[in-house]
C-alpha atoms as a PDB file:
ATOM      1  CA  MET A   1      -0.022   0.205   0.211  1.00  0.00           C
ATOM      2  CA  THR A   2       1.355   3.518  -0.781  1.00  0.00           C
ATOM      3  CA  ALA A   3       1.350   6.520   1.307  1.00  0.00           C
ATOM      4  CA  TYR A   4      -0.556   9.572   0.516  1.00  0.00           C
ATOM      5  CA  SER A   5       0.477  13.050   1.216  1.00  0.00           C
ATOM      6  CA  SER A   6      -1.651  15.269   3.055  1.00  0.00           C
ATOM      7  CA  GLU A   7      -2.034  17.210  -0.128  1.00  0.00           C
ATOM      8  CA  GLU A   8      -3.869  15.811  -2.941  1.00  0.00           C
ATOM      9  CA  MET A   9      -3.261  16.405  -6.501  1.00  0.00           C
ATOM     10  CA  LYS A  10      -5.828  18.514  -8.065  1.00  0.00           C
ATOM     11  CA  ILE A  11      -5.995  18.299 -12.086  1.00  0.00           C
ATOM     12  CA  PRO A  12      -7.791  20.977 -13.715  1.00  0.00           C
ATOM     13  CA  THR A  13     -11.019  21.050 -15.765  1.00  0.00           C
ATOM     14  CA  VAL A  14     -11.090  21.842 -19.313  1.00  0.00           C
ATOM     15  CA  ASN A  15     -12.942  24.735 -18.323  1.00  0.00           C
ATOM     16  CA  THR A  16     -10.088  25.948 -16.030  1.00  0.00           C
ATOM     17  CA  ILE A  17      -7.609  25.229 -19.149  1.00  0.00           C
ATOM     18  CA  LYS A  18      -9.971  27.436 -21.798  1.00  0.00           C
ATOM     19  CA  TYR A  19     -10.238  30.089 -18.838  1.00  0.00           C
ATOM     20  CA  LEU A  20      -6.420  30.454 -18.414  1.00  0.00           C
ATOM     21  CA  LEU A  21      -6.037  30.125 -22.199  1.00  0.00           C
ATOM     22  CA  ASP A  22      -8.339  32.334 -23.451  1.00  0.00           C
ATOM     23  CA  PRO A  23      -6.301  35.871 -22.889  1.00  0.00           C
ATOM     24  CA  ILE A  24      -3.113  34.168 -24.705  1.00  0.00           C
ATOM     25  CA  ILE A  25      -5.352  32.911 -27.589  1.00  0.00           C
ATOM     26  CA  LYS A  26      -6.641  36.597 -28.195  1.00  0.00           C
ATOM     27  CA  LYS A  27      -3.444  37.893 -28.060  1.00  0.00           C
ATOM     28  CA  LEU A  28      -2.137  35.437 -30.773  1.00  0.00           C
ATOM     29  CA  ASP A  29      -4.896  36.464 -32.699  1.00  0.00           C
ATOM     30  CA  HIS A  30      -4.141  39.363 -32.601  1.00  0.00           C
ATOM     31  CA  LEU A  31      -0.608  39.573 -33.332  1.00  0.00           C
ATOM     32  CA  ASP A  32      -1.457  37.516 -36.326  1.00  0.00           C
ATOM     33  CA  SER A  33      -3.863  39.711 -37.556  1.00  0.00           C
ATOM     34  CA  THR A  34      -1.521  42.777 -36.827  1.00  0.00           C
ATOM     35  CA  ILE A  35       1.710  40.377 -38.678  1.00  0.00           C
ATOM     36  CA  LYS A  36      -0.214  39.620 -41.728  1.00  0.00           C
ATOM     37  CA  ASN A  37      -1.432  43.204 -42.137  1.00  0.00           C
ATOM     38  CA  SER A  38       1.835  44.617 -41.828  1.00  0.00           C
ATOM     39  CA  ASN A  39       3.230  41.797 -44.423  1.00  0.00           C
ATOM     40  CA  SER A  40       0.305  43.049 -46.979  1.00  0.00           C
ATOM     41  CA  LEU A  41       1.305  46.798 -46.676  1.00  0.00           C
ATOM     42  CA  SER A  42       5.302  45.791 -47.237  1.00  0.00           C
ATOM     43  CA  SER A  43       5.092  43.908 -49.871  1.00  0.00           C
ATOM     44  CA  GLU A  44       2.729  46.370 -51.707  1.00  0.00           C
ATOM     45  CA  SER A  45       5.485  49.001 -51.566  1.00  0.00           C
ATOM     46  CA  LYS A  46       8.682  46.786 -51.827  1.00  0.00           C
ATOM     47  CA  TYR A  47      11.060  47.786 -54.498  1.00  0.00           C
ATOM     48  CA  TYR A  48      14.933  46.273 -55.752  1.00  0.00           C
ATOM     49  CA  ARG A  49      17.618  48.264 -56.699  1.00  0.00           C
ATOM     50  CA  ASN A  50      20.112  47.259 -58.747  1.00  0.00           C
ATOM     51  CA  SER A  51      22.159  46.080 -56.293  1.00  0.00           C
ATOM     52  CA  ASP A  52      19.466  43.584 -55.214  1.00  0.00           C
ATOM     53  CA  LEU A  53      18.595  42.467 -58.723  1.00  0.00           C
ATOM     54  CA  LYS A  54      22.599  41.973 -58.933  1.00  0.00           C
ATOM     55  CA  LYS A  55      22.849  39.685 -55.798  1.00  0.00           C
ATOM     56  CA  LEU A  56      19.394  37.895 -55.454  1.00  0.00           C
ATOM     57  CA  PHE A  57      19.569  36.837 -59.679  1.00  0.00           C
ATOM     58  CA  GLY A  58      23.488  37.300 -60.211  1.00  0.00           C
ATOM     59  CA  LEU A  59      22.664  39.813 -63.235  1.00  0.00           C
ATOM     60  CA  SER A  60      25.565  41.991 -64.181  1.00  0.00           C
ATOM     61  CA  SER A  61      25.109  46.247 -64.377  1.00  0.00           C
ATOM     62  CA  ASN A  62      25.292  45.559 -68.644  1.00  0.00           C
ATOM     63  CA  THR A  63      22.429  42.562 -68.513  1.00  0.00           C
ATOM     64  CA  ILE A  64      20.231  44.877 -66.113  1.00  0.00           C
ATOM     65  CA  ILE A  65      20.808  48.240 -68.657  1.00  0.00           C
ATOM     66  CA  LYS A  66      20.018  45.861 -71.405  1.00  0.00           C
ATOM     67  CA  TYR A  67      16.814  44.126 -69.794  1.00  0.00           C
ATOM     68  CA  ARG A  68      15.682  47.795 -68.739  1.00  0.00           C
ATOM     69  CA  GLU A  69      16.700  49.411 -72.400  1.00  0.00           C
ATOM     70  CA  THR A  70      14.217  46.004 -74.414  1.00  0.00           C
ATOM     71  CA  GLY A  71      11.679  46.687 -72.172  1.00  0.00           C
ATOM     72  CA  LEU A  72      12.075  43.215 -70.266  1.00  0.00           C
ATOM     73  CA  LEU A  73      12.528  44.935 -67.086  1.00  0.00           C
ATOM     74  CA  PRO A  74       9.734  47.430 -66.256  1.00  0.00           C
ATOM     75  CA  TYR A  75      11.073  49.978 -63.480  1.00  0.00           C
ATOM     76  CA  THR A  76      10.734  53.591 -62.096  1.00  0.00           C
ATOM     77  CA  LYS A  77      13.352  56.278 -61.947  1.00  0.00           C
ATOM     78  CA  LEU A  78      14.010  58.371 -59.077  1.00  0.00           C
ATOM     79  CA  GLY A  79      16.638  60.848 -59.524  1.00  0.00           C
ATOM     80  CA  GLU A  80      19.336  58.529 -60.809  1.00  0.00           C
ATOM     81  CA  ILE A  81      18.096  55.814 -58.546  1.00  0.00           C
ATOM     82  CA  PHE A  82      16.409  52.977 -61.017  1.00  0.00           C
ATOM     83  CA  LEU A  83      13.654  50.831 -58.757  1.00  0.00           C
ATOM     84  CA  TYR A  84      12.151  47.490 -59.773  1.00  0.00           C
ATOM     85  CA  GLU A  85       8.593  46.761 -58.197  1.00  0.00           C
ATOM     86  CA  LYS A  86       8.821  43.508 -56.329  1.00  0.00           C
ATOM     87  CA  LYS A  87       5.587  42.240 -57.665  1.00  0.00           C
ATOM     88  CA  LYS A  88       6.443  43.070 -61.289  1.00  0.00           C
ATOM     89  CA  ILE A  89       9.499  41.284 -60.692  1.00  0.00           C
ATOM     90  CA  ASP A  90       7.948  38.236 -59.483  1.00  0.00           C
ATOM     91  CA  SER A  91       5.017  38.597 -62.045  1.00  0.00           C
ATOM     92  CA  ILE A  92       7.888  38.209 -64.725  1.00  0.00           C
ATOM     93  CA  LEU A  93       9.886  35.326 -62.807  1.00  0.00           C
ATOM     94  CA  LYS A  94       6.479  33.620 -62.629  1.00  0.00           C
ATOM     95  CA  GLU A  95       5.242  33.793 -66.640  1.00  0.00           C
ATOM     96  CA  ASN A  96       8.976  32.585 -68.026  1.00  0.00           C
ATOM     97  CA  SER A  97       9.227  29.687 -65.337  1.00  0.00           C
ATOM     98  CA  VAL A  98       9.966  26.217 -67.282  1.00  0.00           C
ATOM     99  CA  ASN A  99       8.191  23.255 -65.913  1.00  0.00           C
ATOM    100  CA  LEU A 100       9.997  19.962 -66.653  1.00  0.00           C
END
């Protein structure tokens, strides 16, 4: 026979667990919606620069210039800075993807 201590172990009920977790779940839902909203806003106005295209895609300066001049690479010019909208670049990549 085993000896029991004077204090019995109490197992929480499902309702007690729900009560304790509810505020945490609400905070997580709020964080999730905040992150989703900030991601959608930042992806709308995201631009690449020449240096980004070089690093990400291994393009040379001459290739970038050639793609701009031939209309293959849409761009916005701000002073002497060339900007390439991320959405448009992603679209070009999807259009030119090859499925083997």
